[in-house]
Protein backbone atom coordinates (compact mmCIF):
# COMPACT_ATOMS: atom_id res chain seq x y z
CA MET A 1 -60.72 149.66 138.56
CA VAL A 2 -56.94 149.28 138.82
CA LYS A 3 -54.96 149.04 135.68
CA LYS A 4 -52.12 146.51 135.59
CA LEU A 5 -48.84 147.70 134.11
CA THR A 6 -47.19 145.08 131.96
CA LEU A 7 -43.99 144.99 129.99
CA GLN A 8 -44.17 144.26 126.39
CA ASN A 9 -41.56 141.50 126.45
CA GLU A 10 -41.79 139.28 129.57
CA ASP A 11 -39.81 136.33 128.17
CA GLY A 12 -36.23 137.10 129.48
CA PHE A 13 -34.24 138.54 132.41
CA THR A 14 -33.21 142.15 132.59
CA LEU A 15 -29.55 143.12 132.61
CA ILE A 16 -29.76 144.09 136.29
CA GLU A 17 -31.13 140.65 137.22
CA VAL A 18 -28.34 138.87 135.33
CA LEU A 19 -25.65 141.04 136.94
CA MET A 20 -27.07 140.44 140.42
CA ALA A 21 -27.18 136.69 139.83
CA LEU A 22 -23.55 136.73 138.62
CA ALA A 23 -22.46 138.75 141.66
CA ILE A 24 -24.15 136.35 144.07
CA PHE A 25 -22.76 133.30 142.28
CA SER A 26 -19.21 134.75 142.11
CA SER A 27 -19.22 135.59 145.83
CA PHE A 28 -20.29 132.00 146.54
CA LEU A 29 -17.49 130.64 144.32
CA LEU A 30 -14.96 132.96 145.95
CA SER A 31 -15.88 131.74 149.44
CA VAL A 32 -15.61 128.10 148.31
CA TYR A 33 -12.20 128.81 146.74
CA VAL A 34 -10.88 130.53 149.89
CA THR A 35 -12.11 127.65 152.07
CA ILE A 36 -10.55 124.99 149.87
CA SER A 37 -7.21 126.81 149.58
CA HIS A 38 -7.10 127.29 153.36
CA ASN A 39 -7.82 123.57 153.90
CA VAL A 40 -5.11 122.56 151.43
CA SER A 41 -2.48 124.80 153.04
CA SER A 42 -3.49 123.59 156.52
CA SER A 43 -3.19 119.99 155.35
CA ILE A 44 0.30 120.64 153.98
CA LEU A 45 1.40 122.24 157.27
CA MET A 46 -0.15 119.39 159.27
CA LYS A 47 1.68 116.82 157.15
CA GLU A 48 4.96 118.66 157.74
CA ASP A 49 4.26 118.87 161.47
CA LEU A 50 3.50 115.15 161.63
CA ASN A 51 6.69 114.32 159.72
CA LEU A 52 8.76 116.48 162.07
CA HIS A 53 7.08 114.99 165.15
CA ASN A 54 7.56 111.41 163.98
CA LEU A 55 11.22 111.99 163.13
CA ALA A 56 11.84 113.71 166.48
CA GLN A 57 10.12 110.82 168.29
CA MET A 58 12.25 108.33 166.33
CA LYS A 59 15.45 110.14 167.38
CA MET A 60 14.22 110.40 170.99
CA ASP A 61 13.58 106.64 171.02
CA GLU A 62 17.09 106.03 169.69
CA VAL A 63 18.54 108.11 172.55
CA LEU A 64 16.42 106.37 175.18
CA LEU A 65 17.33 102.90 173.87
CA ASP A 66 21.03 103.75 173.39
CA LYS A 67 21.81 103.79 177.16
CA LYS A 68 24.73 106.16 176.55
CA GLU A 69 26.82 107.02 179.59
CA PHE A 70 26.90 110.75 180.24
CA THR A 71 28.72 112.85 182.78
CA ASN A 72 29.34 116.51 183.42
CA ALA A 73 32.22 116.23 180.95
CA THR A 74 29.77 115.25 178.17
CA GLU A 75 27.00 117.72 179.04
CA ASN A 76 27.99 120.16 176.28
CA ASP A 77 28.18 117.45 173.59
CA VAL A 78 25.66 118.04 170.82
CA LYS A 79 25.00 115.31 168.30
CA THR A 80 23.90 116.56 164.87
CA GLY A 81 23.28 114.87 161.58
CA SER A 82 20.88 114.18 158.75
CA ILE A 83 18.01 111.73 158.69
CA GLU A 84 19.15 108.76 156.65
CA ILE A 85 15.79 107.59 155.35
CA GLU A 86 15.03 107.60 151.66
CA GLY A 87 12.99 110.65 150.74
CA LEU A 88 13.73 112.42 154.05
CA GLU A 89 17.33 113.48 153.45
CA ASN A 90 16.41 117.17 153.76
CA TYR A 91 15.70 116.76 157.50
CA LYS A 92 18.46 117.46 160.02
CA PHE A 93 18.49 116.65 163.73
CA GLU A 94 20.23 117.92 166.85
CA ILE A 95 20.37 116.02 170.15
CA LYS A 96 21.40 117.68 173.44
CA ILE A 97 21.65 115.89 176.77
CA THR A 98 21.98 118.26 179.72
CA PRO A 99 21.81 117.83 183.48
CA THR A 100 18.72 118.97 185.33
CA LYS A 101 18.97 122.35 187.00
CA PHE A 102 16.98 122.13 190.22
CA PRO A 103 16.14 125.46 191.95
CA ASP A 104 17.41 126.38 195.39
CA LEU A 105 15.22 125.85 198.44
CA THR A 106 14.86 129.61 198.89
CA GLN A 107 13.45 129.92 195.37
CA ILE A 108 10.99 127.09 195.95
CA LEU A 109 9.84 128.56 199.25
CA GLY A 110 9.70 132.07 197.75
CA GLN A 111 12.12 133.51 200.27
CA SER A 112 14.20 136.63 199.81
CA GLU A 113 17.94 136.76 200.39
CA ASP A 114 17.37 138.16 203.89
CA GLU A 115 15.16 135.21 204.82
CA GLN A 116 17.67 132.79 203.32
CA ASN A 117 19.86 132.76 206.44
CA THR A 118 16.95 132.01 208.73
CA GLY A 119 15.10 128.73 208.80
CA ASP A 120 15.71 125.15 209.73
CA PRO A 121 19.34 124.11 209.09
CA VAL A 122 18.34 120.42 208.92
CA GLN A 123 15.86 121.23 206.17
CA LYS A 124 18.56 123.12 204.26
CA ILE A 125 21.05 120.23 204.51
CA LEU A 126 18.47 117.63 203.46
CA PHE A 127 17.32 119.77 200.56
CA LYS A 128 20.90 120.35 199.42
CA LYS A 129 21.52 116.58 199.35
CA LEU A 130 18.21 116.02 197.56
CA LYS A 131 19.06 118.69 194.99
CA THR A 132 22.51 117.20 194.38
CA ASN A 133 21.10 113.69 193.98
CA ILE A 134 18.31 114.76 191.62
CA GLU A 135 20.75 116.70 189.47
CA GLU A 136 22.96 113.59 189.37
CA ILE A 137 20.16 111.16 188.47
CA ILE A 138 17.81 113.01 186.11
CA TRP A 139 19.04 114.56 182.88
CA GLN A 140 17.12 116.24 180.08
CA VAL A 141 17.15 115.14 176.45
CA GLN A 142 16.24 117.67 173.77
CA VAL A 143 15.76 116.57 170.16
CA THR A 144 15.26 119.18 167.44
CA VAL A 145 14.42 118.16 163.88
CA THR A 146 14.52 120.77 161.11
CA ASN A 147 13.43 120.63 157.48
CA THR A 148 16.19 122.40 155.55
CA ASP A 149 13.86 123.15 152.62
CA ASN A 150 11.48 125.40 154.55
CA ASP A 151 13.23 125.84 157.95
CA TYR A 152 10.30 124.37 159.88
CA SER A 153 11.50 122.74 163.07
CA TYR A 154 10.08 120.63 165.87
CA GLU A 155 11.51 120.29 169.37
CA LEU A 156 10.85 117.37 171.68
CA LYS A 157 12.08 117.16 175.29
CA SER A 158 12.11 114.33 177.76
CA TRP A 159 13.79 113.22 180.96
CA ILE A 160 16.28 110.39 181.17
CA ASN A 161 17.65 108.58 184.19
CA LYS A 162 21.38 108.27 184.42
CA SER A 163 22.24 104.57 184.55
CA ASN A 164 25.18 104.88 186.95
CA PRO A 165 24.54 107.85 189.25
CA LYS A 166 26.74 108.51 192.26
CA ILE A 167 24.13 109.18 194.92
CA ASP A 168 25.04 110.59 198.31
CA THR A 169 23.05 108.46 200.74
CA ASN A 170 24.81 109.79 203.81
CA CYS A 171 22.12 111.71 205.67
CA LEU A 172 24.09 111.97 208.89
CA LEU A 173 23.47 115.54 209.87
CA TYR A 174 25.26 115.88 213.18
CA THR A 175 28.47 114.31 214.33
CA SER A 176 29.18 113.46 217.88
CA ASP A 177 32.51 114.36 219.46
CA ALA A 178 31.84 112.00 222.38
CA ALA A 179 33.51 109.04 220.71
């Protein structure tokens, strides 16, 4: 017959059991704490990102609705200032309007400088006029909003059509000396 070993006092937990339970419970609490703190910091960053995006969009809308006339003489003008909304005075903005830089035909076609001199001259002339007209019509607006408290910034870019472009519509490629 097998004898059963019994402890004399079976009413409580041993010290090892209590320590193991505390270790398991503390690791659970630590993981909950880390998760909550990460969620709180992510929420704070998301709120800041949304504020910066909304302010940048507001300034972009102001530029698009302003219908300001811009020329090559004004391309280096940068408008800066502070947001004048109660509670948001620590946000600064910068607005740049620059002309579009369109690549050369050789860059678009992937040609080297040696291949540049070969090719269809009509295509080169038409592309040059197209490039000039696009650079005259389409300009880029860049709005940057920065929180001066923590130096977070948000940049928003868009294209704007010039309201009074001087477009070269003369596509006469060859002149005749017969006249």
